[in-house]
């Protein structure tokens, strides 16, 4: 049975689907309007990903029937690239960024113009966007983010993109089973110490309402602690 020339051509020209995992606040945060970060995702991040040729995926869009924290962990580690929005310095976001960097995976950092860059990542380049999402600024922000996604993805191995690479530490590896080396264990223990500090509050109070805060990060580290041989 022979393949038609048209089918061969279609297969050859078919685009390779590349995924971009988006690490960002999902629930409402104090100091921001309701569903503010949904608008950032839909009107800034998604258009930039589409223009750069990547399919964006956010944690709340993972629909697999598996345990959701494992799906999130899998996306953090295996996605071709990630975008991390540091706006508001959300604890879950910082933790998931730490996991991504532990595996030395390519990540684009972004933040709004009202957030001070965390000290730990000040050494890395990031894109800043207009927190008001004004249409006259949004277009330029999308173009800047598209350029950052493309350049980060195409950068060679010498481009410093994580603390692990900056310190020349052997990154964590994922094989058939996850094996934690001494360095890997040190990284996760350090992250766990940070987690114990930032996960203490259970609620964030704003002037008008109380916003429940449910940390995803605690579930992620517990999965690795309980079953280190778990397939990712």
N, C-alpha and C. Protein backbone atom coordinates (compact mmCIF):
# COMPACT_ATOMS: atom_id res chain seq x y z
N UNK A 1 0.86 -1.19 0.00
CA UNK A 1 0.00 0.00 0.00
C UNK A 1 0.89 1.24 0.00
N UNK A 2 0.71 2.12 -0.96
CA UNK A 2 1.56 3.30 -1.07
C UNK A 2 0.85 4.52 -0.50
N UNK A 3 1.67 5.45 -0.02
CA UNK A 3 1.13 6.68 0.53
C UNK A 3 1.04 7.73 -0.56
N UNK A 4 -0.07 8.40 -0.65
CA UNK A 4 -0.26 9.40 -1.70
C UNK A 4 0.69 10.57 -1.47
N UNK A 5 1.11 11.22 -2.57
CA UNK A 5 2.00 12.39 -2.44
C UNK A 5 1.42 13.47 -1.55
N UNK A 6 0.09 13.66 -1.61
CA UNK A 6 -0.55 14.69 -0.79
C UNK A 6 -0.42 14.37 0.69
N UNK A 7 -0.65 13.09 1.02
CA UNK A 7 -0.56 12.68 2.43
C UNK A 7 0.86 12.85 2.95
N UNK A 8 1.84 12.51 2.09
CA UNK A 8 3.24 12.65 2.48
C UNK A 8 3.59 14.11 2.72
N UNK A 9 3.09 14.97 1.83
CA UNK A 9 3.36 16.40 1.97
C UNK A 9 2.70 16.96 3.22
N UNK A 10 1.46 16.54 3.50
CA UNK A 10 0.75 17.02 4.69
C UNK A 10 1.48 16.61 5.95
N UNK A 11 1.99 15.38 5.95
CA UNK A 11 2.70 14.89 7.12
C UNK A 11 4.01 15.63 7.33
N UNK A 12 4.66 15.94 6.21
CA UNK A 12 5.95 16.62 6.29
C UNK A 12 5.80 18.05 6.77
N UNK A 13 4.68 18.67 6.40
CA UNK A 13 4.48 20.08 6.75
C UNK A 13 3.72 20.25 8.06
N UNK A 14 3.32 19.13 8.64
CA UNK A 14 2.58 19.21 9.89
C UNK A 14 3.45 19.82 10.99
N UNK A 15 2.93 20.77 11.70
CA UNK A 15 3.69 21.43 12.75
C UNK A 15 3.86 20.53 13.96
N UNK A 16 5.06 20.60 14.55
CA UNK A 16 5.30 19.90 15.80
C UNK A 16 4.68 20.72 16.93
N UNK A 17 3.80 20.10 17.69
CA UNK A 17 3.14 20.83 18.77
C UNK A 17 4.08 20.98 19.96
N UNK A 18 4.35 22.21 20.32
CA UNK A 18 5.20 22.50 21.47
C UNK A 18 4.33 23.12 22.56
N UNK A 19 4.58 22.72 23.79
CA UNK A 19 3.75 23.20 24.90
C UNK A 19 4.51 24.19 25.77
N UNK A 20 3.78 25.14 26.29
CA UNK A 20 4.32 26.12 27.24
C UNK A 20 3.48 26.05 28.50
N UNK A 21 4.07 25.59 29.59
CA UNK A 21 3.35 25.54 30.86
C UNK A 21 3.41 26.91 31.52
N UNK A 22 2.26 27.43 31.91
CA UNK A 22 2.18 28.78 32.47
C UNK A 22 2.05 28.69 33.99
N UNK A 23 3.07 29.17 34.67
CA UNK A 23 3.09 29.20 36.13
C UNK A 23 2.68 30.61 36.55
N UNK A 24 1.53 30.74 37.17
CA UNK A 24 1.03 32.06 37.53
C UNK A 24 -0.05 31.93 38.60
N UNK A 25 -0.40 33.03 39.28
CA UNK A 25 -1.53 32.97 40.22
C UNK A 25 -2.80 32.59 39.48
N UNK A 26 -3.60 31.73 40.10
CA UNK A 26 -4.86 31.32 39.49
C UNK A 26 -6.04 31.91 40.26
N UNK A 27 -6.00 31.79 41.58
CA UNK A 27 -7.06 32.38 42.41
C UNK A 27 -6.84 33.89 42.53
N UNK A 28 -7.87 34.59 42.98
CA UNK A 28 -7.76 36.03 43.22
C UNK A 28 -6.73 36.31 44.30
N UNK A 29 -6.04 37.44 44.17
CA UNK A 29 -5.04 37.85 45.16
C UNK A 29 -5.39 39.23 45.70
N UNK A 30 -5.06 39.46 46.96
CA UNK A 30 -5.30 40.77 47.56
C UNK A 30 -4.54 41.84 46.79
N UNK A 31 -5.22 42.96 46.55
CA UNK A 31 -4.59 44.06 45.84
C UNK A 31 -4.85 44.06 44.35
N UNK A 32 -5.48 42.98 43.85
CA UNK A 32 -5.81 42.88 42.43
C UNK A 32 -7.32 42.71 42.26
N UNK A 33 -7.84 43.20 41.15
CA UNK A 33 -9.26 43.03 40.86
C UNK A 33 -9.61 41.55 40.69
N UNK A 34 -10.87 41.23 40.89
CA UNK A 34 -11.33 39.86 40.72
C UNK A 34 -11.03 39.37 39.31
N UNK A 35 -10.45 38.16 39.21
CA UNK A 35 -10.12 37.50 37.96
C UNK A 35 -9.09 38.28 37.13
N UNK A 36 -8.30 39.08 37.82
CA UNK A 36 -7.27 39.86 37.12
C UNK A 36 -6.31 38.96 36.35
N UNK A 37 -5.87 37.87 36.97
CA UNK A 37 -4.86 37.03 36.33
C UNK A 37 -5.45 36.16 35.22
N UNK A 38 -6.76 35.97 35.23
CA UNK A 38 -7.40 35.34 34.07
C UNK A 38 -7.27 36.25 32.84
N UNK A 39 -7.40 37.56 33.06
CA UNK A 39 -7.27 38.51 31.96
C UNK A 39 -5.82 38.58 31.48
N UNK A 40 -4.88 38.51 32.41
CA UNK A 40 -3.46 38.49 32.02
C UNK A 40 -3.19 37.27 31.14
N UNK A 41 -3.74 36.15 31.54
CA UNK A 41 -3.53 34.90 30.79
C UNK A 41 -4.16 34.97 29.40
N UNK A 42 -5.41 35.41 29.35
CA UNK A 42 -6.15 35.39 28.08
C UNK A 42 -5.74 36.49 27.11
N UNK A 43 -5.35 37.65 27.63
CA UNK A 43 -5.10 38.80 26.75
C UNK A 43 -3.62 39.14 26.57
N UNK A 44 -2.75 38.47 27.32
CA UNK A 44 -1.32 38.72 27.18
C UNK A 44 -0.54 37.43 26.89
N UNK A 45 -0.65 36.47 27.80
CA UNK A 45 0.19 35.27 27.70
C UNK A 45 -0.23 34.38 26.54
N UNK A 46 -1.52 34.09 26.42
CA UNK A 46 -1.98 33.20 25.34
C UNK A 46 -1.68 33.76 23.95
N UNK A 47 -1.95 35.04 23.69
CA UNK A 47 -1.61 35.57 22.36
C UNK A 47 -0.11 35.50 22.06
N UNK A 48 0.73 35.74 23.08
CA UNK A 48 2.18 35.68 22.87
C UNK A 48 2.63 34.26 22.58
N UNK A 49 2.07 33.29 23.30
CA UNK A 49 2.41 31.88 23.06
C UNK A 49 1.98 31.45 21.66
N UNK A 50 0.78 31.82 21.27
CA UNK A 50 0.27 31.47 19.94
C UNK A 50 1.17 32.05 18.85
N UNK A 51 1.58 33.31 19.02
CA UNK A 51 2.42 33.96 18.03
C UNK A 51 3.80 33.30 17.94
N UNK A 52 4.29 32.77 19.07
CA UNK A 52 5.61 32.13 19.10
C UNK A 52 5.55 30.66 18.69
N UNK A 53 4.33 30.13 18.49
CA UNK A 53 4.18 28.75 18.04
C UNK A 53 4.10 27.73 19.17
N UNK A 54 3.63 28.14 20.34
CA UNK A 54 3.51 27.24 21.48
C UNK A 54 2.05 27.17 21.95
N UNK A 55 1.67 26.01 22.45
CA UNK A 55 0.34 25.83 23.01
C UNK A 55 0.41 26.07 24.52
N UNK A 56 -0.23 27.12 25.04
CA UNK A 56 -0.16 27.42 26.47
C UNK A 56 -1.06 26.48 27.28
N UNK A 57 -0.59 26.09 28.44
CA UNK A 57 -1.37 25.24 29.34
C UNK A 57 -1.18 25.77 30.76
N UNK A 58 -2.29 26.01 31.44
CA UNK A 58 -2.25 26.45 32.82
C UNK A 58 -2.72 25.31 33.72
N UNK A 59 -2.35 25.34 34.99
CA UNK A 59 -2.64 24.23 35.89
C UNK A 59 -4.13 23.90 35.94
N UNK A 60 -4.98 24.92 35.91
CA UNK A 60 -6.42 24.66 36.00
C UNK A 60 -7.01 24.16 34.69
N UNK A 61 -6.19 24.03 33.64
CA UNK A 61 -6.66 23.50 32.37
C UNK A 61 -6.29 22.04 32.17
N UNK A 62 -5.57 21.47 33.14
CA UNK A 62 -5.19 20.06 33.06
C UNK A 62 -6.40 19.23 33.41
N UNK A 63 -6.90 18.45 32.45
CA UNK A 63 -8.16 17.73 32.62
C UNK A 63 -7.99 16.22 32.75
N UNK A 64 -6.76 15.74 32.89
CA UNK A 64 -6.55 14.30 33.02
C UNK A 64 -7.22 13.77 34.28
N UNK A 65 -7.52 12.49 34.28
CA UNK A 65 -8.19 11.89 35.43
C UNK A 65 -7.22 11.52 36.54
N UNK A 66 -5.91 11.65 36.28
CA UNK A 66 -4.91 11.33 37.30
C UNK A 66 -4.96 12.36 38.42
N UNK A 67 -4.23 12.07 39.51
CA UNK A 67 -4.13 13.00 40.62
C UNK A 67 -3.57 14.32 40.10
N UNK A 68 -4.26 15.42 40.33
CA UNK A 68 -3.94 16.68 39.68
C UNK A 68 -2.53 17.16 40.01
N UNK A 69 -2.05 16.93 41.25
CA UNK A 69 -0.72 17.42 41.59
C UNK A 69 0.35 16.71 40.78
N UNK A 70 0.11 15.46 40.42
CA UNK A 70 1.07 14.72 39.60
C UNK A 70 1.07 15.25 38.16
N UNK A 71 -0.11 15.61 37.67
CA UNK A 71 -0.20 16.19 36.34
C UNK A 71 0.52 17.54 36.29
N UNK A 72 0.37 18.33 37.34
CA UNK A 72 1.05 19.62 37.40
C UNK A 72 2.56 19.41 37.42
N UNK A 73 3.01 18.48 38.25
CA UNK A 73 4.44 18.18 38.35
C UNK A 73 5.00 17.72 37.01
N UNK A 74 4.23 16.89 36.32
CA UNK A 74 4.65 16.39 35.01
C UNK A 74 4.78 17.54 34.01
N UNK A 75 3.83 18.46 34.03
CA UNK A 75 3.87 19.60 33.12
C UNK A 75 5.06 20.51 33.44
N UNK A 76 5.32 20.73 34.73
CA UNK A 76 6.43 21.58 35.14
C UNK A 76 7.75 21.05 34.58
N UNK A 77 7.91 19.75 34.65
CA UNK A 77 9.17 19.12 34.26
C UNK A 77 9.29 18.90 32.76
N UNK A 78 8.19 18.53 32.09
CA UNK A 78 8.29 18.04 30.72
C UNK A 78 7.92 19.06 29.63
N UNK A 79 7.29 20.17 29.97
CA UNK A 79 6.90 21.13 28.94
C UNK A 79 8.13 21.70 28.24
N UNK A 80 7.98 22.01 26.94
CA UNK A 80 9.10 22.50 26.16
C UNK A 80 9.66 23.80 26.71
N UNK A 81 8.77 24.62 27.22
CA UNK A 81 9.17 25.89 27.83
C UNK A 81 8.11 26.26 28.85
N UNK A 82 8.43 27.19 29.73
CA UNK A 82 7.45 27.65 30.72
C UNK A 82 7.52 29.16 30.83
N UNK A 83 6.40 29.75 31.17
CA UNK A 83 6.33 31.17 31.51
C UNK A 83 5.96 31.25 32.97
N UNK A 84 6.69 32.05 33.71
CA UNK A 84 6.40 32.20 35.14
C UNK A 84 6.11 33.66 35.44
N UNK A 85 4.89 33.94 35.89
CA UNK A 85 4.48 35.30 36.24
C UNK A 85 4.72 35.53 37.73
N UNK A 86 5.69 36.38 38.04
CA UNK A 86 6.08 36.65 39.42
C UNK A 86 5.21 37.72 40.08
N UNK A 87 4.24 38.25 39.37
CA UNK A 87 3.41 39.34 39.88
C UNK A 87 2.72 38.94 41.19
N UNK A 88 2.83 39.83 42.17
CA UNK A 88 2.22 39.57 43.46
C UNK A 88 3.04 38.65 44.34
N UNK A 89 4.14 38.09 43.81
CA UNK A 89 5.05 37.20 44.56
C UNK A 89 4.27 36.08 45.25
N UNK A 90 3.46 35.41 44.47
CA UNK A 90 2.61 34.33 44.97
C UNK A 90 3.46 33.13 45.41
N UNK A 91 3.25 32.58 46.61
CA UNK A 91 4.07 31.47 47.11
C UNK A 91 4.05 30.23 46.23
N UNK A 92 2.87 29.88 45.72
CA UNK A 92 2.77 28.70 44.85
C UNK A 92 3.59 28.88 43.58
N UNK A 93 3.53 30.08 43.03
CA UNK A 93 4.29 30.39 41.82
C UNK A 93 5.79 30.25 42.07
N UNK A 94 6.25 30.81 43.19
CA UNK A 94 7.68 30.73 43.51
C UNK A 94 8.13 29.30 43.71
N UNK A 95 7.28 28.51 44.31
CA UNK A 95 7.63 27.11 44.56
C UNK A 95 7.72 26.33 43.25
N UNK A 96 6.73 26.50 42.38
CA UNK A 96 6.74 25.78 41.11
C UNK A 96 7.90 26.23 40.22
N UNK A 97 8.25 27.51 40.31
CA UNK A 97 9.44 27.99 39.60
C UNK A 97 10.69 27.29 40.12
N UNK A 98 10.76 27.10 41.46
CA UNK A 98 11.90 26.39 42.05
C UNK A 98 12.02 24.98 41.51
N UNK A 99 10.89 24.29 41.35
CA UNK A 99 10.92 22.93 40.80
C UNK A 99 11.40 22.94 39.36
N UNK A 100 10.90 23.88 38.58
CA UNK A 100 11.30 23.99 37.17
C UNK A 100 12.81 24.25 37.07
N UNK A 101 13.32 25.13 37.91
CA UNK A 101 14.74 25.46 37.88
C UNK A 101 15.60 24.32 38.39
N UNK A 102 15.07 23.52 39.31
CA UNK A 102 15.83 22.37 39.81
C UNK A 102 16.18 21.41 38.69
N UNK A 103 15.32 21.34 37.66
CA UNK A 103 15.56 20.48 36.51
C UNK A 103 16.21 21.26 35.35
N UNK A 104 16.57 22.51 35.61
CA UNK A 104 17.25 23.36 34.64
C UNK A 104 16.49 23.44 33.31
N UNK A 105 15.19 23.66 33.41
CA UNK A 105 14.34 23.75 32.22
C UNK A 105 14.15 25.22 31.82
N UNK A 106 14.04 25.45 30.53
CA UNK A 106 13.94 26.81 30.02
C UNK A 106 12.64 27.49 30.46
N UNK A 107 12.81 28.70 31.01
CA UNK A 107 11.68 29.42 31.58
C UNK A 107 11.79 30.91 31.28
N UNK A 108 10.68 31.51 30.89
CA UNK A 108 10.60 32.95 30.68
C UNK A 108 9.96 33.59 31.90
N UNK A 109 10.64 34.54 32.53
CA UNK A 109 10.11 35.21 33.71
C UNK A 109 9.42 36.51 33.29
N UNK A 110 8.23 36.74 33.84
CA UNK A 110 7.53 37.99 33.60
C UNK A 110 6.99 38.52 34.93
N UNK A 111 6.68 39.79 34.97
CA UNK A 111 6.05 40.40 36.15
C UNK A 111 5.39 41.69 35.72
N UNK A 112 4.43 42.14 36.54
CA UNK A 112 3.79 43.41 36.21
C UNK A 112 4.63 44.57 36.74
N UNK A 113 4.23 45.79 36.36
CA UNK A 113 5.03 46.96 36.70
C UNK A 113 4.86 47.43 38.14
N UNK A 114 4.06 46.72 38.91
CA UNK A 114 3.85 47.11 40.31
C UNK A 114 4.51 46.15 41.29
N UNK A 115 5.14 45.11 40.79
CA UNK A 115 5.75 44.09 41.64
C UNK A 115 7.27 44.24 41.65
N UNK A 116 7.85 44.27 42.84
CA UNK A 116 9.31 44.31 42.97
C UNK A 116 9.84 42.90 42.72
N UNK A 117 10.85 42.80 41.89
CA UNK A 117 11.41 41.49 41.56
C UNK A 117 12.00 40.83 42.80
N UNK A 118 11.64 39.57 43.08
CA UNK A 118 12.22 38.86 44.24
C UNK A 118 13.74 38.80 44.13
N UNK A 119 14.40 38.91 45.25
CA UNK A 119 15.86 38.95 45.28
C UNK A 119 16.48 37.72 44.62
N UNK A 120 15.88 36.55 44.84
CA UNK A 120 16.45 35.29 44.37
C UNK A 120 16.54 35.20 42.85
N UNK A 121 15.72 35.94 42.13
CA UNK A 121 15.72 35.85 40.67
C UNK A 121 16.09 37.17 40.00
N UNK A 122 16.64 38.11 40.78
CA UNK A 122 17.00 39.40 40.21
C UNK A 122 18.11 39.29 39.17
N UNK A 123 18.89 38.22 39.23
CA UNK A 123 20.01 38.06 38.30
C UNK A 123 19.55 37.63 36.91
N UNK A 124 18.28 37.24 36.79
CA UNK A 124 17.79 36.72 35.51
C UNK A 124 16.94 37.77 34.78
N UNK A 125 16.98 37.68 33.45
CA UNK A 125 16.18 38.60 32.64
C UNK A 125 14.69 38.29 32.80
N UNK A 126 13.88 39.32 32.73
CA UNK A 126 12.43 39.12 32.78
C UNK A 126 11.74 40.20 31.94
N UNK A 127 10.53 39.90 31.53
CA UNK A 127 9.70 40.86 30.79
C UNK A 127 8.73 41.53 31.76
N UNK A 128 8.60 42.82 31.65
CA UNK A 128 7.65 43.55 32.49
C UNK A 128 6.46 43.97 31.65
N UNK A 129 5.26 43.85 32.23
CA UNK A 129 4.06 44.24 31.50
C UNK A 129 3.21 45.22 32.31
N UNK A 130 2.37 45.94 31.61
CA UNK A 130 1.49 46.93 32.21
C UNK A 130 0.37 46.23 32.97
N UNK A 131 0.31 46.44 34.28
CA UNK A 131 -0.67 45.74 35.11
C UNK A 131 -2.10 46.17 34.79
N UNK A 132 -2.28 47.34 34.20
CA UNK A 132 -3.63 47.80 33.86
C UNK A 132 -4.15 47.13 32.58
N UNK A 133 -3.23 46.49 31.83
CA UNK A 133 -3.58 45.82 30.56
C UNK A 133 -4.23 46.78 29.57
N UNK A 134 -3.78 48.02 29.58
CA UNK A 134 -4.28 49.00 28.60
C UNK A 134 -3.99 48.50 27.20
N UNK A 135 -4.95 48.66 26.32
CA UNK A 135 -4.83 48.09 24.98
C UNK A 135 -3.65 48.68 24.21
N UNK A 136 -3.32 49.96 24.47
CA UNK A 136 -2.22 50.57 23.73
C UNK A 136 -0.87 50.04 24.19
N UNK A 137 -0.82 49.50 25.41
CA UNK A 137 0.42 48.89 25.89
C UNK A 137 0.44 47.39 25.70
N UNK A 138 -0.74 46.78 25.68
CA UNK A 138 -0.84 45.32 25.60
C UNK A 138 -0.17 44.77 24.34
N UNK A 139 -0.35 45.46 23.22
CA UNK A 139 0.23 44.99 21.96
C UNK A 139 1.75 44.91 22.07
N UNK A 140 2.37 45.96 22.61
CA UNK A 140 3.83 45.94 22.77
C UNK A 140 4.27 44.87 23.76
N UNK A 141 3.49 44.67 24.82
CA UNK A 141 3.81 43.63 25.81
C UNK A 141 3.75 42.25 25.19
N UNK A 142 2.77 42.01 24.33
CA UNK A 142 2.63 40.71 23.66
C UNK A 142 3.83 40.46 22.75
N UNK A 143 4.24 41.49 21.99
CA UNK A 143 5.37 41.35 21.09
C UNK A 143 6.67 41.08 21.86
N UNK A 144 6.84 41.76 22.99
CA UNK A 144 8.04 41.56 23.81
C UNK A 144 8.08 40.14 24.38
N UNK A 145 6.93 39.66 24.84
CA UNK A 145 6.86 38.31 25.40
C UNK A 145 7.07 37.26 24.32
N UNK A 146 6.50 37.48 23.14
CA UNK A 146 6.71 36.55 22.03
C UNK A 146 8.20 36.43 21.71
N UNK A 147 8.88 37.56 21.67
CA UNK A 147 10.32 37.57 21.37
C UNK A 147 11.10 36.84 22.46
N UNK A 148 10.71 37.04 23.73
CA UNK A 148 11.40 36.38 24.84
C UNK A 148 11.20 34.87 24.80
N UNK A 149 10.00 34.43 24.46
CA UNK A 149 9.72 32.99 24.35
C UNK A 149 10.60 32.36 23.27
N UNK A 150 10.64 32.99 22.11
CA UNK A 150 11.40 32.45 20.98
C UNK A 150 12.90 32.42 21.29
N UNK A 151 13.43 33.52 21.81
CA UNK A 151 14.87 33.59 22.08
C UNK A 151 15.28 32.64 23.19
N UNK A 152 14.43 32.49 24.21
CA UNK A 152 14.75 31.56 25.30
C UNK A 152 14.74 30.13 24.82
N UNK A 153 13.76 29.78 23.99
CA UNK A 153 13.67 28.41 23.49
C UNK A 153 14.84 28.08 22.57
N UNK A 154 15.28 29.04 21.78
CA UNK A 154 16.34 28.80 20.81
C UNK A 154 17.74 28.99 21.38
N UNK A 155 17.84 29.47 22.62
CA UNK A 155 19.15 29.72 23.22
C UNK A 155 19.91 28.42 23.42
N UNK A 156 21.25 28.50 23.33
CA UNK A 156 22.06 27.28 23.51
C UNK A 156 22.23 26.98 25.00
N UNK A 157 22.93 25.90 25.27
CA UNK A 157 23.06 25.41 26.65
C UNK A 157 23.92 26.32 27.52
N UNK A 158 24.65 27.26 26.92
CA UNK A 158 25.49 28.17 27.69
C UNK A 158 24.71 29.35 28.25
N UNK A 159 23.48 29.53 27.78
CA UNK A 159 22.66 30.64 28.27
C UNK A 159 22.14 30.30 29.67
N UNK A 160 22.48 31.12 30.65
CA UNK A 160 22.11 30.85 32.04
C UNK A 160 20.62 31.15 32.24
N UNK A 161 19.86 30.11 32.59
CA UNK A 161 18.42 30.25 32.72
C UNK A 161 17.89 29.80 34.06
N UNK A 162 18.78 29.34 34.95
CA UNK A 162 18.34 28.86 36.26
C UNK A 162 19.45 29.00 37.28
N UNK A 163 19.06 28.97 38.55
CA UNK A 163 20.05 29.04 39.63
C UNK A 163 20.95 27.82 39.60
N UNK A 164 20.38 26.67 39.26
CA UNK A 164 21.16 25.44 39.16
C UNK A 164 22.29 25.61 38.16
N UNK A 165 21.99 26.20 37.01
CA UNK A 165 23.00 26.41 35.98
C UNK A 165 23.99 27.49 36.41
N UNK A 166 23.50 28.53 37.06
CA UNK A 166 24.36 29.62 37.52
C UNK A 166 25.40 29.12 38.50
N UNK A 167 24.99 28.22 39.40
CA UNK A 167 25.89 27.67 40.42
C UNK A 167 26.64 26.43 39.94
N UNK A 168 26.35 26.01 38.69
CA UNK A 168 26.99 24.84 38.09
C UNK A 168 26.74 23.57 38.92
N UNK A 169 25.50 23.45 39.37
CA UNK A 169 25.06 22.26 40.11
C UNK A 169 24.45 21.28 39.11
N UNK A 170 24.69 20.00 39.29
CA UNK A 170 24.09 19.00 38.42
C UNK A 170 22.57 19.04 38.59
N UNK A 171 21.82 19.29 37.52
CA UNK A 171 20.36 19.38 37.66
C UNK A 171 19.72 18.04 37.96
N UNK A 172 18.52 18.09 38.54
CA UNK A 172 17.76 16.86 38.77
C UNK A 172 17.42 16.22 37.43
N UNK A 173 17.28 14.91 37.41
CA UNK A 173 16.98 14.19 36.19
C UNK A 173 15.76 13.31 36.39
N UNK A 174 15.00 13.12 35.31
CA UNK A 174 13.84 12.25 35.33
C UNK A 174 14.09 11.11 34.37
N UNK A 175 14.16 9.89 34.89
CA UNK A 175 14.30 8.71 34.05
C UNK A 175 13.04 7.88 34.18
N UNK A 176 13.21 6.56 34.12
CA UNK A 176 12.05 5.69 34.29
C UNK A 176 11.49 5.85 35.69
N UNK A 177 12.40 6.05 36.64
CA UNK A 177 12.01 6.35 38.01
C UNK A 177 12.82 7.56 38.46
N UNK A 178 12.23 8.38 39.32
CA UNK A 178 12.92 9.56 39.80
C UNK A 178 13.95 9.17 40.85
N UNK A 179 15.22 9.50 40.61
CA UNK A 179 16.28 9.21 41.54
C UNK A 179 16.81 10.54 42.08
N UNK A 180 16.80 10.70 43.38
CA UNK A 180 17.26 11.93 43.99
C UNK A 180 18.70 11.77 44.47
N UNK A 181 19.61 12.55 43.89
CA UNK A 181 21.00 12.53 44.32
C UNK A 181 21.12 13.38 45.58
N UNK A 182 22.33 13.46 46.13
CA UNK A 182 22.56 14.30 47.30
C UNK A 182 22.24 15.74 47.00
N UNK A 183 22.66 16.20 45.80
CA UNK A 183 22.38 17.58 45.42
C UNK A 183 20.89 17.81 45.22
N UNK A 184 20.20 16.82 44.61
CA UNK A 184 18.76 16.93 44.43
C UNK A 184 18.05 17.05 45.77
N UNK A 185 18.47 16.20 46.72
CA UNK A 185 17.87 16.21 48.05
C UNK A 185 18.07 17.54 48.72
N UNK A 186 19.27 18.13 48.57
CA UNK A 186 19.55 19.43 49.16
C UNK A 186 18.63 20.49 48.58
N UNK A 187 18.41 20.43 47.26
CA UNK A 187 17.53 21.41 46.60
C UNK A 187 16.11 21.30 47.15
N UNK A 188 15.59 20.06 47.23
CA UNK A 188 14.21 19.88 47.69
C UNK A 188 14.05 20.21 49.18
N UNK A 189 15.09 19.91 49.99
CA UNK A 189 15.01 20.24 51.40
C UNK A 189 14.99 21.76 51.60
N UNK A 190 15.79 22.47 50.79
CA UNK A 190 15.80 23.93 50.86
C UNK A 190 14.44 24.49 50.46
N UNK A 191 13.86 23.94 49.40
CA UNK A 191 12.52 24.36 48.96
C UNK A 191 11.49 24.07 50.04
N UNK A 192 11.64 22.94 50.72
CA UNK A 192 10.69 22.56 51.75
C UNK A 192 10.76 23.51 52.95
N UNK A 193 11.98 23.98 53.28
CA UNK A 193 12.13 24.94 54.37
C UNK A 193 11.44 26.25 54.03
N UNK A 194 11.59 26.68 52.75
CA UNK A 194 10.90 27.89 52.30
C UNK A 194 9.39 27.69 52.37
N UNK A 195 8.96 26.48 51.95
CA UNK A 195 7.53 26.16 51.95
C UNK A 195 6.93 26.26 53.34
N UNK A 196 7.66 25.78 54.36
CA UNK A 196 7.15 25.81 55.73
C UNK A 196 6.91 27.24 56.21
N UNK A 197 7.71 28.17 55.66
CA UNK A 197 7.57 29.57 56.06
C UNK A 197 6.41 30.26 55.33
N UNK A 198 6.32 29.99 54.02
CA UNK A 198 5.34 30.74 53.22
C UNK A 198 3.95 30.13 53.25
N UNK A 199 3.83 28.86 53.71
CA UNK A 199 2.52 28.22 53.72
C UNK A 199 1.79 28.40 55.05
N UNK A 200 2.39 29.13 56.00
CA UNK A 200 1.79 29.27 57.31
C UNK A 200 0.40 29.91 57.28
N UNK A 201 0.21 31.04 56.59
CA UNK A 201 -1.14 31.64 56.56
C UNK A 201 -2.11 30.81 55.74
N UNK A 202 -3.33 30.71 56.23
CA UNK A 202 -4.36 29.97 55.49
C UNK A 202 -5.33 30.90 54.79
N UNK A 203 -5.31 32.19 55.17
CA UNK A 203 -6.21 33.15 54.54
C UNK A 203 -5.48 34.47 54.33
N UNK A 204 -5.87 35.17 53.30
CA UNK A 204 -5.36 36.50 53.04
C UNK A 204 -6.53 37.47 53.14
N UNK A 205 -6.35 38.52 53.92
CA UNK A 205 -7.44 39.46 54.14
C UNK A 205 -7.22 40.71 53.30
N UNK A 206 -8.23 41.12 52.59
CA UNK A 206 -8.20 42.40 51.87
C UNK A 206 -9.19 43.33 52.55
N UNK A 207 -9.28 44.55 52.05
CA UNK A 207 -10.16 45.53 52.68
C UNK A 207 -11.63 45.14 52.61
N UNK A 208 -12.00 44.42 51.54
CA UNK A 208 -13.41 44.16 51.31
C UNK A 208 -13.84 42.72 51.51
N UNK A 209 -12.88 41.81 51.51
CA UNK A 209 -13.28 40.40 51.59
C UNK A 209 -12.13 39.54 52.06
N UNK A 210 -12.46 38.31 52.41
CA UNK A 210 -11.46 37.33 52.80
C UNK A 210 -11.26 36.35 51.66
N UNK A 211 -10.01 36.15 51.26
CA UNK A 211 -9.71 35.26 50.15
C UNK A 211 -9.04 34.01 50.69
N UNK A 212 -9.64 32.87 50.45
CA UNK A 212 -9.06 31.62 50.91
C UNK A 212 -7.79 31.31 50.14
N UNK A 213 -6.79 30.78 50.84
CA UNK A 213 -5.51 30.48 50.22
C UNK A 213 -5.22 28.99 50.41
N UNK A 214 -5.19 28.24 49.33
CA UNK A 214 -4.93 26.81 49.37
C UNK A 214 -3.63 26.51 48.63
N UNK A 215 -2.53 26.22 49.34
CA UNK A 215 -1.25 26.02 48.67
C UNK A 215 -1.20 24.73 47.86
N UNK A 216 -0.81 24.82 46.57
CA UNK A 216 -0.58 23.63 45.76
C UNK A 216 0.79 23.05 46.05
N UNK A 217 1.71 23.93 46.44
CA UNK A 217 3.11 23.51 46.58
C UNK A 217 3.31 22.41 47.62
N UNK A 218 2.55 22.45 48.70
CA UNK A 218 2.72 21.45 49.75
C UNK A 218 2.40 20.05 49.23
N UNK A 219 1.37 19.95 48.41
CA UNK A 219 0.99 18.66 47.84
C UNK A 219 2.08 18.13 46.92
N UNK A 220 2.72 19.01 46.19
CA UNK A 220 3.75 18.58 45.24
C UNK A 220 4.94 17.95 45.97
N UNK A 221 5.44 18.59 47.02
CA UNK A 221 6.59 18.06 47.73
C UNK A 221 6.24 16.78 48.47
N UNK A 222 5.01 16.69 48.97
CA UNK A 222 4.61 15.49 49.69
C UNK A 222 4.56 14.28 48.76
N UNK A 223 4.20 14.48 47.49
CA UNK A 223 4.18 13.37 46.54
C UNK A 223 5.57 12.79 46.35
N UNK A 224 6.58 13.65 46.32
CA UNK A 224 7.95 13.17 46.16
C UNK A 224 8.46 12.52 47.44
N UNK A 225 8.02 13.03 48.58
CA UNK A 225 8.48 12.46 49.85
C UNK A 225 7.87 11.09 50.11
N UNK A 226 6.55 10.98 49.85
CA UNK A 226 5.84 9.74 50.15
C UNK A 226 6.27 8.62 49.22
N UNK A 227 6.45 8.94 47.95
CA UNK A 227 6.77 7.90 46.96
C UNK A 227 7.86 8.38 46.02
N UNK A 228 9.15 8.33 46.42
CA UNK A 228 10.24 8.81 45.57
C UNK A 228 10.41 8.03 44.29
N UNK A 229 9.80 6.83 44.19
CA UNK A 229 9.94 6.02 42.97
C UNK A 229 8.77 6.25 42.02
N UNK A 230 7.96 7.24 42.34
CA UNK A 230 6.78 7.52 41.52
C UNK A 230 7.19 7.94 40.12
N UNK A 231 6.55 7.37 39.09
CA UNK A 231 6.84 7.75 37.71
C UNK A 231 6.27 9.13 37.46
N UNK A 232 7.07 9.98 36.87
CA UNK A 232 6.63 11.35 36.58
C UNK A 232 5.97 11.37 35.21
